[in-house]
Amino acid sequence: MMMPMTERRPRIALLVWPLTAAYWLGIFYLTHLPPQRLPKTRISDVHAHFTAYAVLALLLLWSLHYTELSPRAAAWWVVGLCFFYGAIDEVLQIPVGRICSMKDWIADASGTVTVVAIAVIIGAARHVRRA
């Protein structure tokens, strides 16, 4: 038996926000490790940035879904927040011996925009189907 949406949302929201915060702290931790302490992977730096910010954008959209924001406002908030945080994150890497890279920031922004665009398209398609 399915619960009404109003009963299910608060429980999910209680999980989504901490998950989003934990993921965001994980990104901060990894991007502020000195270069010699970075884990070795076969994933290129650009792909890692794209993926990290795509997941962050997805989690933020999911979290904001349970607020009073409209889907359009949530999308803009996620884009603005991820763009801003990506830029600040790049600058804050300098003190730990990392390079502030425009290429990394573009990958961050691209991952963000890709997920937000897909979410907007899916939302529009759902709206059309309901009409």
Protein backbone atom coordinates (compact mmCIF):
# COMPACT_ATOMS: atom_id res chain seq x y z
CA MET A 1 0.00 0.00 0.00
CA MET A 2 1.43 3.36 -1.04
CA MET A 3 1.51 6.25 1.39
CA PRO A 4 0.07 9.56 0.27
CA MET A 5 2.74 11.90 -1.11
CA THR A 6 2.39 14.30 1.83
CA GLU A 7 3.35 11.58 4.33
CA ARG A 8 6.26 10.24 2.28
CA ARG A 9 7.95 13.54 1.45
CA PRO A 10 9.05 14.60 4.94
CA ARG A 11 10.68 11.23 5.64
CA ILE A 12 12.60 11.34 2.38
CA ALA A 13 13.53 14.98 2.94
CA LEU A 14 15.03 14.04 6.30
CA LEU A 15 17.40 11.68 4.47
CA VAL A 16 18.11 13.76 1.37
CA TRP A 17 19.47 16.88 3.04
CA PRO A 18 22.03 15.04 5.22
CA LEU A 19 23.05 12.93 2.21
CA THR A 20 23.57 16.10 0.16
CA ALA A 21 25.58 17.73 2.95
CA ALA A 22 27.75 14.63 3.45
CA TYR A 23 28.44 14.37 -0.27
CA TRP A 24 29.31 18.07 -0.47
CA LEU A 25 31.69 17.74 2.49
CA GLY A 26 33.25 14.73 0.74
CA ILE A 27 33.88 16.80 -2.38
CA PHE A 28 35.41 19.57 -0.26
CA TYR A 29 37.67 17.08 1.51
CA LEU A 30 38.89 15.47 -1.71
CA THR A 31 39.48 18.76 -3.51
CA HIS A 32 41.57 20.04 -0.62
CA LEU A 33 43.92 17.10 -0.27
CA PRO A 34 47.50 17.97 -1.21
CA PRO A 35 48.43 16.56 -4.65
CA GLN A 36 50.61 13.79 -3.21
CA ARG A 37 47.71 12.49 -1.06
CA LEU A 38 45.16 12.29 -3.87
CA PRO A 39 43.82 8.81 -4.54
CA LYS A 40 45.02 7.35 -7.83
CA THR A 41 42.25 6.58 -10.32
CA ARG A 42 41.96 5.90 -14.02
CA ILE A 43 39.37 8.66 -14.32
CA SER A 44 40.61 11.88 -15.89
CA ASP A 45 40.50 15.01 -13.76
CA VAL A 46 37.94 16.62 -16.09
CA HIS A 47 35.64 13.59 -15.93
CA ALA A 48 35.97 13.47 -12.14
CA HIS A 49 34.97 17.15 -11.88
CA PHE A 50 32.06 16.70 -14.31
CA THR A 51 30.76 13.68 -12.43
CA ALA A 52 31.25 15.16 -8.96
CA TYR A 53 29.26 18.28 -9.82
CA ALA A 54 26.62 16.35 -11.76
CA VAL A 55 25.96 14.29 -8.63
CA LEU A 56 26.04 17.41 -6.44
CA ALA A 57 23.52 19.13 -8.72
CA LEU A 58 21.29 16.06 -8.67
CA LEU A 59 21.37 15.86 -4.89
CA LEU A 60 20.69 19.59 -4.54
CA LEU A 61 17.75 19.39 -6.96
CA TRP A 62 16.40 16.39 -5.08
CA SER A 63 16.77 18.21 -1.75
CA LEU A 64 15.17 21.41 -3.05
CA HIS A 65 12.27 19.37 -4.40
CA TYR A 66 11.07 19.13 -0.79
CA THR A 67 11.03 22.90 -0.24
CA GLU A 68 8.57 25.60 -1.22
CA LEU A 69 10.71 26.61 -4.23
CA SER A 70 9.25 26.20 -7.68
CA PRO A 71 11.11 23.76 -9.95
CA ARG A 72 12.32 26.71 -12.06
CA ALA A 73 13.65 28.57 -9.01
CA ALA A 74 15.30 25.40 -7.70
CA ALA A 75 17.03 24.87 -11.05
CA TRP A 76 18.40 28.42 -11.03
CA TRP A 77 19.52 28.11 -7.41
CA VAL A 78 21.39 24.89 -8.16
CA VAL A 79 23.12 26.38 -11.21
CA GLY A 80 24.11 29.55 -9.36
CA LEU A 81 25.23 27.73 -6.23
CA CYS A 82 27.28 25.12 -8.09
CA PHE A 83 28.91 27.72 -10.36
CA PHE A 84 29.80 29.89 -7.37
CA TYR A 85 30.98 27.01 -5.20
CA GLY A 86 33.01 25.54 -8.06
CA ALA A 87 34.85 28.86 -8.49
CA ILE A 88 35.45 29.29 -4.76
CA ASP A 89 36.58 25.66 -4.48
CA GLU A 90 39.17 26.15 -7.22
CA VAL A 91 40.61 29.23 -5.49
CA LEU A 92 40.66 27.52 -2.07
CA GLN A 93 42.79 24.70 -3.47
CA ILE A 94 45.79 27.00 -3.93
CA PRO A 95 46.87 26.99 -0.25
CA VAL A 96 47.15 23.16 -0.26
CA GLY A 97 49.39 23.14 -3.33
CA ARG A 98 46.71 22.42 -5.92
CA ILE A 99 46.19 24.36 -9.13
CA CYS A 100 43.26 26.72 -9.64
CA SER A 101 42.07 25.58 -13.07
CA MET A 102 39.50 27.16 -15.37
CA LYS A 103 39.27 23.78 -17.14
CA ASP A 104 38.18 22.13 -13.87
CA TRP A 105 35.61 24.88 -13.23
CA ILE A 106 34.20 24.45 -16.75
CA ALA A 107 33.89 20.69 -16.09
CA ASP A 108 32.11 21.49 -12.79
CA ALA A 109 29.74 23.86 -14.58
CA SER A 110 29.15 21.40 -17.42
CA GLY A 111 28.20 18.60 -15.03
CA THR A 112 25.84 20.96 -13.23
CA VAL A 113 24.16 22.26 -16.39
CA THR A 114 23.80 18.78 -17.86
CA VAL A 115 21.90 17.46 -14.84
CA VAL A 116 19.77 20.58 -14.46
CA ALA A 117 18.89 20.55 -18.18
CA ILE A 118 17.89 16.88 -18.01
CA ALA A 119 15.78 17.57 -14.89
CA VAL A 120 14.06 20.51 -16.61
CA ILE A 121 13.33 18.41 -19.71
CA ILE A 122 11.94 15.54 -17.61
CA GLY A 123 9.84 18.00 -15.59
CA ALA A 124 8.47 19.59 -18.77
CA ALA A 125 7.65 16.18 -20.23
CA ARG A 126 5.78 15.19 -17.05
CA HIS A 127 3.86 18.48 -17.14
CA VAL A 128 2.85 17.90 -20.75
CA ARG A 129 1.71 14.33 -20.01
CA ARG A 130 -0.45 15.54 -17.11
CA ALA A 131 -2.12 18.26 -19.21
